Amino acid sequence: MMARLALVALLAGWPATHAATVPALFSAGNAAFASGQYEQAIDFYSQALDLGEAPPAVYYNLGCALFAAKDWEKQYLRLNAPSSTVPVSRT
């Protein structure tokens, strides 16, 4: 648990231009969500999506974080985004 919080703290201090990876941001978002820091989790998941090539789990976790934060407007906008921004599972 302490390692997750350390990762969140480390990533929170990174500048936006830092070469973060989707898996690192996803993990940081998960750690923030687990500790009840929903706004921070939303930021990490959003950054992961901005990098592109994010797996569908990032979209799901972002939706869960938006719901937990009771941010209905952002949740509505994300769910009603053009379909080209939401990956389609090919499994």
PDB file of N, CA and C in Angstrom:
ATOM      1  N   MET A   1       0.830  -1.195   0.000  1.00  0.00           N
ATOM      2  CA  MET A   1       0.000   0.000   0.000  1.00  0.00           C
ATOM      3  C   MET A   1       0.869   1.251   0.000  1.00  0.00           C
ATOM      4  N   MET A   2       1.917   1.249   0.815  1.00  0.00           N
ATOM      5  CA  MET A   2       2.799   2.419   0.884  1.00  0.00           C
ATOM      6  C   MET A   2       3.495   2.657  -0.456  1.00  0.00           C
ATOM      7  N   ALA A   3       3.826   1.576  -1.164  1.00  0.00           N
ATOM      8  CA  ALA A   3       4.476   1.726  -2.467  1.00  0.00           C
ATOM      9  C   ALA A   3       3.535   2.400  -3.457  1.00  0.00           C
ATOM     10  N   ARG A   4       2.253   2.057  -3.392  1.00  0.00           N
ATOM     11  CA  ARG A   4       1.268   2.684  -4.282  1.00  0.00           C
ATOM     12  C   ARG A   4       1.144   4.175  -3.986  1.00  0.00           C
ATOM     13  N   LEU A   5       1.083   4.510  -2.703  1.00  0.00           N
ATOM     14  CA  LEU A   5       0.971   5.921  -2.345  1.00  0.00           C
ATOM     15  C   LEU A   5       2.218   6.691  -2.750  1.00  0.00           C
ATOM     16  N   ALA A   6       3.374   6.054  -2.633  1.00  0.00           N
ATOM     17  CA  ALA A   6       4.616   6.703  -3.064  1.00  0.00           C
ATOM     18  C   ALA A   6       4.590   6.942  -4.565  1.00  0.00           C
ATOM     19  N   LEU A   7       4.069   5.973  -5.313  1.00  0.00           N
ATOM     20  CA  LEU A   7       3.964   6.130  -6.764  1.00  0.00           C
ATOM     21  C   LEU A   7       3.031   7.277  -7.111  1.00  0.00           C
ATOM     22  N   VAL A   8       1.912   7.371  -6.428  1.00  0.00           N
ATOM     23  CA  VAL A   8       0.967   8.471  -6.661  1.00  0.00           C
ATOM     24  C   VAL A   8       1.640   9.806  -6.372  1.00  0.00           C
ATOM     25  N   ALA A   9       2.326   9.885  -5.251  1.00  0.00           N
ATOM     26  CA  ALA A   9       3.006  11.132  -4.894  1.00  0.00           C
ATOM     27  C   ALA A   9       4.071  11.488  -5.914  1.00  0.00           C
ATOM     28  N   LEU A  10       4.809  10.500  -6.368  1.00  0.00           N
ATOM     29  CA  LEU A  10       5.854  10.748  -7.356  1.00  0.00           C
ATOM     30  C   LEU A  10       5.267  11.259  -8.663  1.00  0.00           C
ATOM     31  N   LEU A  11       4.239  10.565  -9.155  1.00  0.00           N
ATOM     32  CA  LEU A  11       3.629  10.961 -10.426  1.00  0.00           C
ATOM     33  C   LEU A  11       2.909  12.291 -10.331  1.00  0.00           C
ATOM     34  N   ALA A  12       2.351  12.598  -9.167  1.00  0.00           N
ATOM     35  CA  ALA A  12       1.635  13.859  -9.006  1.00  0.00           C
ATOM     36  C   ALA A  12       2.560  15.050  -9.182  1.00  0.00           C
ATOM     37  N   GLY A  13       3.828  14.869  -8.889  1.00  0.00           N
ATOM     38  CA  GLY A  13       4.786  15.957  -9.017  1.00  0.00           C
ATOM     39  C   GLY A  13       5.437  16.060 -10.380  1.00  0.00           C
ATOM     40  N   TRP A  14       5.156  15.124 -11.254  1.00  0.00           N
ATOM     41  CA  TRP A  14       5.777  15.151 -12.571  1.00  0.00           C
ATOM     42  C   TRP A  14       5.183  16.254 -13.423  1.00  0.00           C
ATOM     43  N   PRO A  15       6.012  16.940 -14.209  1.00  0.00           N
ATOM     44  CA  PRO A  15       5.454  17.919 -15.150  1.00  0.00           C
ATOM     45  C   PRO A  15       4.711  17.203 -16.273  1.00  0.00           C
ATOM     46  N   ALA A  16       3.806  17.916 -16.903  1.00  0.00           N
ATOM     47  CA  ALA A  16       2.980  17.326 -17.961  1.00  0.00           C
ATOM     48  C   ALA A  16       3.816  16.813 -19.123  1.00  0.00           C
ATOM     49  N   THR A  17       5.011  17.362 -19.325  1.00  0.00           N
ATOM     50  CA  THR A  17       5.837  16.958 -20.453  1.00  0.00           C
ATOM     51  C   THR A  17       6.653  15.712 -20.154  1.00  0.00           C
ATOM     52  N   HIS A  18       6.602  15.195 -18.931  1.00  0.00           N
ATOM     53  CA  HIS A  18       7.363  14.009 -18.576  1.00  0.00           C
ATOM     54  C   HIS A  18       6.849  12.825 -19.372  1.00  0.00           C
ATOM     55  N   ALA A  19       7.760  11.980 -19.774  1.00  0.00           N
ATOM     56  CA  ALA A  19       7.400  10.831 -20.601  1.00  0.00           C
ATOM     57  C   ALA A  19       6.814   9.710 -19.740  1.00  0.00           C
ATOM     58  N   ALA A  20       5.634   9.917 -19.204  1.00  0.00           N
ATOM     59  CA  ALA A  20       4.951   8.878 -18.432  1.00  0.00           C
ATOM     60  C   ALA A  20       4.377   7.856 -19.404  1.00  0.00           C
ATOM     61  N   THR A  21       4.216   6.652 -18.934  1.00  0.00           N
ATOM     62  CA  THR A  21       3.652   5.603 -19.776  1.00  0.00           C
ATOM     63  C   THR A  21       2.216   5.324 -19.360  1.00  0.00           C
ATOM     64  N   VAL A  22       1.458   4.757 -20.267  1.00  0.00           N
ATOM     65  CA  VAL A  22       0.067   4.409 -19.976  1.00  0.00           C
ATOM     66  C   VAL A  22      -0.005   3.447 -18.784  1.00  0.00           C
ATOM     67  N   PRO A  23       0.810   2.377 -18.739  1.00  0.00           N
ATOM     68  CA  PRO A  23       0.720   1.487 -17.574  1.00  0.00           C
ATOM     69  C   PRO A  23       1.045   2.182 -16.250  1.00  0.00           C
ATOM     70  N   ALA A  24       2.021   3.086 -16.244  1.00  0.00           N
ATOM     71  CA  ALA A  24       2.373   3.800 -15.008  1.00  0.00           C
ATOM     72  C   ALA A  24       1.240   4.714 -14.567  1.00  0.00           C
ATOM     73  N   LEU A  25       0.639   5.420 -15.510  1.00  0.00           N
ATOM     74  CA  LEU A  25      -0.479   6.307 -15.178  1.00  0.00           C
ATOM     75  C   LEU A  25      -1.699   5.511 -14.734  1.00  0.00           C
ATOM     76  N   PHE A  26      -1.916   4.368 -15.383  1.00  0.00           N
ATOM     77  CA  PHE A  26      -3.026   3.497 -15.000  1.00  0.00           C
ATOM     78  C   PHE A  26      -2.834   2.996 -13.571  1.00  0.00           C
ATOM     79  N   SER A  27      -1.632   2.553 -13.251  1.00  0.00           N
ATOM     80  CA  SER A  27      -1.338   2.081 -11.894  1.00  0.00           C
ATOM     81  C   SER A  27      -1.485   3.198 -10.872  1.00  0.00           C
ATOM     82  N   ALA A  28      -1.019   4.386 -11.221  1.00  0.00           N
ATOM     83  CA  ALA A  28      -1.151   5.530 -10.309  1.00  0.00           C
ATOM     84  C   ALA A  28      -2.618   5.880 -10.105  1.00  0.00           C
ATOM     85  N   GLY A  29      -3.404   5.808 -11.167  1.00  0.00           N
ATOM     86  CA  GLY A  29      -4.836   6.053 -11.058  1.00  0.00           C
ATOM     87  C   GLY A  29      -5.511   5.023 -10.160  1.00  0.00           C
ATOM     88  N   ASN A  30      -5.115   3.780 -10.308  1.00  0.00           N
ATOM     89  CA  ASN A  30      -5.678   2.723  -9.465  1.00  0.00           C
ATOM     90  C   ASN A  30      -5.333   2.948  -7.993  1.00  0.00           C
ATOM     91  N   ALA A  31      -4.084   3.353  -7.726  1.00  0.00           N
ATOM     92  CA  ALA A  31      -3.663   3.612  -6.347  1.00  0.00           C
ATOM     93  C   ALA A  31      -4.425   4.797  -5.760  1.00  0.00           C
ATOM     94  N   ALA A  32      -4.584   5.846  -6.567  1.00  0.00           N
ATOM     95  CA  ALA A  32      -5.321   7.017  -6.093  1.00  0.00           C
ATOM     96  C   ALA A  32      -6.777   6.649  -5.821  1.00  0.00           C
ATOM     97  N   PHE A  33      -7.373   5.870  -6.711  1.00  0.00           N
ATOM     98  CA  PHE A  33      -8.767   5.449  -6.524  1.00  0.00           C
ATOM     99  C   PHE A  33      -8.907   4.625  -5.244  1.00  0.00           C
ATOM    100  N   ALA A  34      -7.984   3.688  -5.039  1.00  0.00           N
ATOM    101  CA  ALA A  34      -8.041   2.814  -3.863  1.00  0.00           C
ATOM    102  C   ALA A  34      -7.935   3.598  -2.558  1.00  0.00           C
ATOM    103  N   SER A  35      -7.237   4.739  -2.614  1.00  0.00           N
ATOM    104  CA  SER A  35      -7.091   5.546  -1.399  1.00  0.00           C
ATOM    105  C   SER A  35      -8.152   6.640  -1.295  1.00  0.00           C
ATOM    106  N   GLY A  36      -9.141   6.592  -2.192  1.00  0.00           N
ATOM    107  CA  GLY A  36     -10.251   7.539  -2.131  1.00  0.00           C
ATOM    108  C   GLY A  36      -9.965   8.893  -2.734  1.00  0.00           C
ATOM    109  N   GLN A  37      -8.866   9.030  -3.454  1.00  0.00           N
ATOM    110  CA  GLN A  37      -8.506  10.295  -4.103  1.00  0.00           C
ATOM    111  C   GLN A  37      -9.023  10.268  -5.544  1.00  0.00           C
ATOM    112  N   TYR A  38     -10.334  10.419  -5.672  1.00  0.00           N
ATOM    113  CA  TYR A  38     -10.981  10.223  -6.968  1.00  0.00           C
ATOM    114  C   TYR A  38     -10.578  11.275  -8.000  1.00  0.00           C
ATOM    115  N   GLU A  39     -10.449  12.529  -7.580  1.00  0.00           N
ATOM    116  CA  GLU A  39     -10.061  13.576  -8.538  1.00  0.00           C
ATOM    117  C   GLU A  39      -8.666  13.308  -9.099  1.00  0.00           C
ATOM    118  N   GLN A  40      -7.769  12.849  -8.243  1.00  0.00           N
ATOM    119  CA  GLN A  40      -6.418  12.531  -8.704  1.00  0.00           C
ATOM    120  C   GLN A  40      -6.455  11.316  -9.632  1.00  0.00           C
ATOM    121  N   ALA A  41      -7.285  10.341  -9.301  1.00  0.00           N
ATOM    122  CA  ALA A  41      -7.429   9.171 -10.172  1.00  0.00           C
ATOM    123  C   ALA A  41      -7.938   9.602 -11.544  1.00  0.00           C
ATOM    124  N   ILE A  42      -8.910  10.508 -11.566  1.00  0.00           N
ATOM    125  CA  ILE A  42      -9.445  11.022 -12.827  1.00  0.00           C
ATOM    126  C   ILE A  42      -8.327  11.669 -13.642  1.00  0.00           C
ATOM    127  N   ASP A  43      -7.482  12.438 -12.989  1.00  0.00           N
ATOM    128  CA  ASP A  43      -6.367  13.086 -13.685  1.00  0.00           C
ATOM    129  C   ASP A  43      -5.412  12.055 -14.292  1.00  0.00           C
ATOM    130  N   PHE A  44      -5.055  11.026 -13.520  1.00  0.00           N
ATOM    131  CA  PHE A  44      -4.135  10.000 -14.037  1.00  0.00           C
ATOM    132  C   PHE A  44      -4.743   9.238 -15.204  1.00  0.00           C
ATOM    133  N   TYR A  45      -6.005   8.823 -15.075  1.00  0.00           N
ATOM    134  CA  TYR A  45      -6.649   8.090 -16.168  1.00  0.00           C
ATOM    135  C   TYR A  45      -6.776   8.974 -17.411  1.00  0.00           C
ATOM    136  N   SER A  46      -7.099  10.244 -17.217  1.00  0.00           N
ATOM    137  CA  SER A  46      -7.222  11.163 -18.352  1.00  0.00           C
ATOM    138  C   SER A  46      -5.882  11.347 -19.050  1.00  0.00           C
ATOM    139  N   GLN A  47      -4.807  11.448 -18.274  1.00  0.00           N
ATOM    140  CA  GLN A  47      -3.474  11.568 -18.865  1.00  0.00           C
ATOM    141  C   GLN A  47      -3.129  10.315 -19.664  1.00  0.00           C
ATOM    142  N   ALA A  48      -3.501   9.153 -19.135  1.00  0.00           N
ATOM    143  CA  ALA A  48      -3.238   7.899 -19.855  1.00  0.00           C
ATOM    144  C   ALA A  48      -3.979   7.885 -21.182  1.00  0.00           C
ATOM    145  N   LEU A  49      -5.218   8.361 -21.182  1.00  0.00           N
ATOM    146  CA  LEU A  49      -5.993   8.405 -22.422  1.00  0.00           C
ATOM    147  C   LEU A  49      -5.398   9.398 -23.407  1.00  0.00           C
ATOM    148  N   ASP A  50      -4.874  10.498 -22.908  1.00  0.00           N
ATOM    149  CA  ASP A  50      -4.270  11.507 -23.779  1.00  0.00           C
ATOM    150  C   ASP A  50      -3.035  10.975 -24.494  1.00  0.00           C
ATOM    151  N   LEU A  51      -2.367   9.984 -23.899  1.00  0.00           N
ATOM    152  CA  LEU A  51      -1.184   9.392 -24.535  1.00  0.00           C
ATOM    153  C   LEU A  51      -1.564   8.474 -25.687  1.00  0.00           C
ATOM    154  N   GLY A  52      -2.812   8.040 -25.717  1.00  0.00           N
ATOM    155  CA  GLY A  52      -3.270   7.150 -26.782  1.00  0.00           C
ATOM    156  C   GLY A  52      -2.933   5.698 -26.481  1.00  0.00           C
ATOM    157  N   GLU A  53      -3.523   4.800 -27.252  1.00  0.00           N
ATOM    158  CA  GLU A  53      -3.283   3.368 -27.115  1.00  0.00           C
ATOM    159  C   GLU A  53      -3.588   2.844 -25.716  1.00  0.00           C
ATOM    160  N   ALA A  54      -4.535   3.454 -25.030  1.00  0.00           N
ATOM    161  CA  ALA A  54      -4.914   2.998 -23.700  1.00  0.00           C
ATOM    162  C   ALA A  54      -5.882   1.819 -23.828  1.00  0.00           C
ATOM    163  N   PRO A  55      -5.732   0.822 -22.978  1.00  0.00           N
ATOM    164  CA  PRO A  55      -6.659  -0.313 -23.027  1.00  0.00           C
ATOM    165  C   PRO A  55      -8.036   0.092 -22.522  1.00  0.00           C
ATOM    166  N   PRO A  56      -9.053  -0.670 -22.872  1.00  0.00           N
ATOM    167  CA  PRO A  56     -10.412  -0.344 -22.426  1.00  0.00           C
ATOM    168  C   PRO A  56     -10.554  -0.217 -20.914  1.00  0.00           C
ATOM    169  N   ALA A  57      -9.711  -0.884 -20.148  1.00  0.00           N
ATOM    170  CA  ALA A  57      -9.793  -0.808 -18.682  1.00  0.00           C
ATOM    171  C   ALA A  57      -9.586   0.622 -18.188  1.00  0.00           C
ATOM    172  N   VAL A  58      -8.811   1.425 -18.923  1.00  0.00           N
ATOM    173  CA  VAL A  58      -8.598   2.823 -18.521  1.00  0.00           C
ATOM    174  C   VAL A  58      -9.912   3.591 -18.626  1.00  0.00           C
ATOM    175  N   TYR A  59     -10.657   3.352 -19.697  1.00  0.00           N
ATOM    176  CA  TYR A  59     -11.958   4.008 -19.863  1.00  0.00           C
ATOM    177  C   TYR A  59     -12.918   3.580 -18.756  1.00  0.00           C
ATOM    178  N   TYR A  60     -12.930   2.303 -18.462  1.00  0.00           N
ATOM    179  CA  TYR A  60     -13.814   1.790 -17.414  1.00  0.00           C
ATOM    180  C   TYR A  60     -13.467   2.410 -16.057  1.00  0.00           C
ATOM    181  N   ASN A  61     -12.168   2.397 -15.726  1.00  0.00           N
ATOM    182  CA  ASN A  61     -11.759   2.937 -14.435  1.00  0.00           C
ATOM    183  C   ASN A  61     -12.005   4.439 -14.347  1.00  0.00           C
ATOM    184  N   LEU A  62     -11.839   5.137 -15.457  1.00  0.00           N
ATOM    185  CA  LEU A  62     -12.146   6.565 -15.473  1.00  0.00           C
ATOM    186  C   LEU A  62     -13.625   6.780 -15.181  1.00  0.00           C
ATOM    187  N   GLY A  63     -14.480   5.988 -15.808  1.00  0.00           N
ATOM    188  CA  GLY A  63     -15.916   6.094 -15.543  1.00  0.00           C
ATOM    189  C   GLY A  63     -16.243   5.820 -14.084  1.00  0.00           C
ATOM    190  N   CYS A  64     -15.585   4.817 -13.506  1.00  0.00           N
ATOM    191  CA  CYS A  64     -15.802   4.505 -12.083  1.00  0.00           C
ATOM    192  C   CYS A  64     -15.343   5.657 -11.197  1.00  0.00           C
ATOM    193  N   ALA A  65     -14.204   6.264 -11.529  1.00  0.00           N
ATOM    194  CA  ALA A  65     -13.696   7.385 -10.735  1.00  0.00           C
ATOM    195  C   ALA A  65     -14.616   8.596 -10.856  1.00  0.00           C
ATOM    196  N   LEU A  66     -15.109   8.867 -12.053  1.00  0.00           N
ATOM    197  CA  LEU A  66     -16.040   9.977 -12.239  1.00  0.00           C
ATOM    198  C   LEU A  66     -17.324   9.736 -11.450  1.00  0.00           C
ATOM    199  N   PHE A  67     -17.790   8.498 -11.447  1.00  0.00           N
ATOM    200  CA  PHE A  67     -18.990   8.167 -10.689  1.00  0.00           C
ATOM    201  C   PHE A  67     -18.742   8.328  -9.193  1.00  0.00           C
ATOM    202  N   ALA A  68     -17.607   7.822  -8.717  1.00  0.00           N
ATOM    203  CA  ALA A  68     -17.283   7.911  -7.289  1.00  0.00           C
ATOM    204  C   ALA A  68     -17.128   9.366  -6.843  1.00  0.00           C
ATOM    205  N   ALA A  69     -16.599  10.207  -7.740  1.00  0.00           N
ATOM    206  CA  ALA A  69     -16.419  11.625  -7.420  1.00  0.00           C
ATOM    207  C   ALA A  69     -17.713  12.406  -7.587  1.00  0.00           C
ATOM    208  N   LYS A  70     -18.743  11.732  -8.078  1.00  0.00           N
ATOM    209  CA  LYS A  70     -20.040  12.355  -8.330  1.00  0.00           C
ATOM    210  C   LYS A  70     -19.920  13.545  -9.282  1.00  0.00           C
ATOM    211  N   ASP A  71     -19.040  13.364 -10.277  1.00  0.00           N
ATOM    212  CA  ASP A  71     -18.838  14.402 -11.278  1.00  0.00           C
ATOM    213  C   ASP A  71     -19.702  14.061 -12.487  1.00  0.00           C
ATOM    214  N   TRP A  72     -20.979  14.324 -12.341  1.00  0.00           N
ATOM    215  CA  TRP A  72     -21.958  13.890 -13.337  1.00  0.00           C
ATOM    216  C   TRP A  72     -21.742  14.541 -14.697  1.00  0.00           C
ATOM    217  N   GLU A  73     -21.352  15.822 -14.718  1.00  0.00           N
ATOM    218  CA  GLU A  73     -21.175  16.506 -16.003  1.00  0.00           C
ATOM    219  C   GLU A  73     -20.035  15.881 -16.803  1.00  0.00           C
ATOM    220  N   LYS A  74     -18.876  15.676 -16.149  1.00  0.00           N
ATOM    221  CA  LYS A  74     -17.751  15.053 -16.863  1.00  0.00           C
ATOM    222  C   LYS A  74     -18.112  13.635 -17.290  1.00  0.00           C
ATOM    223  N   GLN A  75     -18.834  12.920 -16.442  1.00  0.00           N
ATOM    224  CA  GLN A  75     -19.214  11.559 -16.779  1.00  0.00           C
ATOM    225  C   GLN A  75     -20.135  11.559 -18.002  1.00  0.00           C
ATOM    226  N   TYR A  76     -21.083  12.468 -18.021  1.00  0.00           N
ATOM    227  CA  TYR A  76     -21.993  12.568 -19.168  1.00  0.00           C
ATOM    228  C   TYR A  76     -21.220  12.888 -20.446  1.00  0.00           C
ATOM    229  N   LEU A  77     -20.310  13.868 -20.352  1.00  0.00           N
ATOM    230  CA  LEU A  77     -19.542  14.259 -21.531  1.00  0.00           C
ATOM    231  C   LEU A  77     -18.662  13.121 -22.025  1.00  0.00           C
ATOM    232  N   ARG A  78     -18.041  12.387 -21.107  1.00  0.00           N
ATOM    233  CA  ARG A  78     -17.174  11.271 -21.501  1.00  0.00           C
ATOM    234  C   ARG A  78     -17.992  10.156 -22.139  1.00  0.00           C
ATOM    235  N   LEU A  79     -19.156   9.853 -21.549  1.00  0.00           N
ATOM    236  CA  LEU A  79     -19.972   8.770 -22.083  1.00  0.00           C
ATOM    237  C   LEU A  79     -20.621   9.130 -23.406  1.00  0.00           C
ATOM    238  N   ASN A  80     -20.788  10.414 -23.668  1.00  0.00           N
ATOM    239  CA  ASN A  80     -21.392  10.853 -24.916  1.00  0.00           C
ATOM    240  C   ASN A  80     -20.373  11.389 -25.902  1.00  0.00           C
ATOM    241  N   ALA A  81     -19.110  11.063 -25.690  1.00  0.00           N
ATOM    242  CA  ALA A  81     -18.057  11.484 -26.618  1.00  0.00           C
ATOM    243  C   ALA A  81     -18.246  10.761 -27.947  1.00  0.00           C
ATOM    244  N   PRO A  82     -17.716  11.344 -29.009  1.00  0.00           N
ATOM    245  CA  PRO A  82     -17.826  10.668 -30.303  1.00  0.00           C
ATOM    246  C   PRO A  82     -17.250   9.255 -30.216  1.00  0.00           C
ATOM    247  N   SER A  83     -17.876   8.329 -30.890  1.00  0.00           N
ATOM    248  CA  SER A  83     -17.463   6.924 -30.798  1.00  0.00           C
ATOM    249  C   SER A  83     -16.038   6.700 -31.271  1.00  0.00           C
ATOM    250  N   SER A  84     -15.476   7.620 -32.051  1.00  0.00           N
ATOM    251  CA  SER A  84     -14.106   7.438 -32.531  1.00  0.00           C
ATOM    252  C   SER A  84     -13.099   7.567 -31.392  1.00  0.00           C
ATOM    253  N   THR A  85     -13.506   8.131 -30.244  1.00  0.00           N
ATOM    254  CA  THR A  85     -12.571   8.269 -29.134  1.00  0.00           C
ATOM    255  C   THR A  85     -12.631   7.105 -28.167  1.00  0.00           C
ATOM    256  N   VAL A  86     -13.582   6.205 -28.366  1.00  0.00           N
ATOM    257  CA  VAL A  86     -13.727   5.058 -27.473  1.00  0.00           C
ATOM    258  C   VAL A  86     -13.319   3.797 -28.234  1.00  0.00           C
ATOM    259  N   PRO A  87     -12.361   3.043 -27.695  1.00  0.00           N
ATOM    260  CA  PRO A  87     -11.907   1.860 -28.420  1.00  0.00           C
ATOM    261  C   PRO A  87     -12.978   0.791 -28.485  1.00  0.00           C
ATOM    262  N   VAL A  88     -12.929   0.024 -29.537  1.00  0.00           N
ATOM    263  CA  VAL A  88     -13.853  -1.085 -29.712  1.00  0.00           C
ATOM    264  C   VAL A  88     -13.088  -2.361 -29.438  1.00  0.00           C
ATOM    265  N   SER A  89     -13.621  -3.197 -28.574  1.00  0.00           N
ATOM    266  CA  SER A  89     -12.968  -4.461 -28.250  1.00  0.00           C
ATOM    267  C   SER A  89     -13.050  -5.375 -29.455  1.00  0.00           C
ATOM    268  N   ARG A  90     -11.952  -5.975 -29.794  1.00  0.00           N
ATOM    269  CA  ARG A  90     -11.908  -6.867 -30.960  1.00  0.00           C
ATOM    270  C   ARG A  90     -11.809  -8.336 -30.523  1.00  0.00           C
ATOM    271  N   THR A  91     -12.217  -8.624 -29.296  1.00  0.00           N
ATOM    272  CA  THR A  91     -12.095 -10.006 -28.799  1.00  0.00           C
ATOM    273  C   THR A  91     -13.322 -10.813 -29.072  1.00  0.00           C
TER     274      THR A  91
END
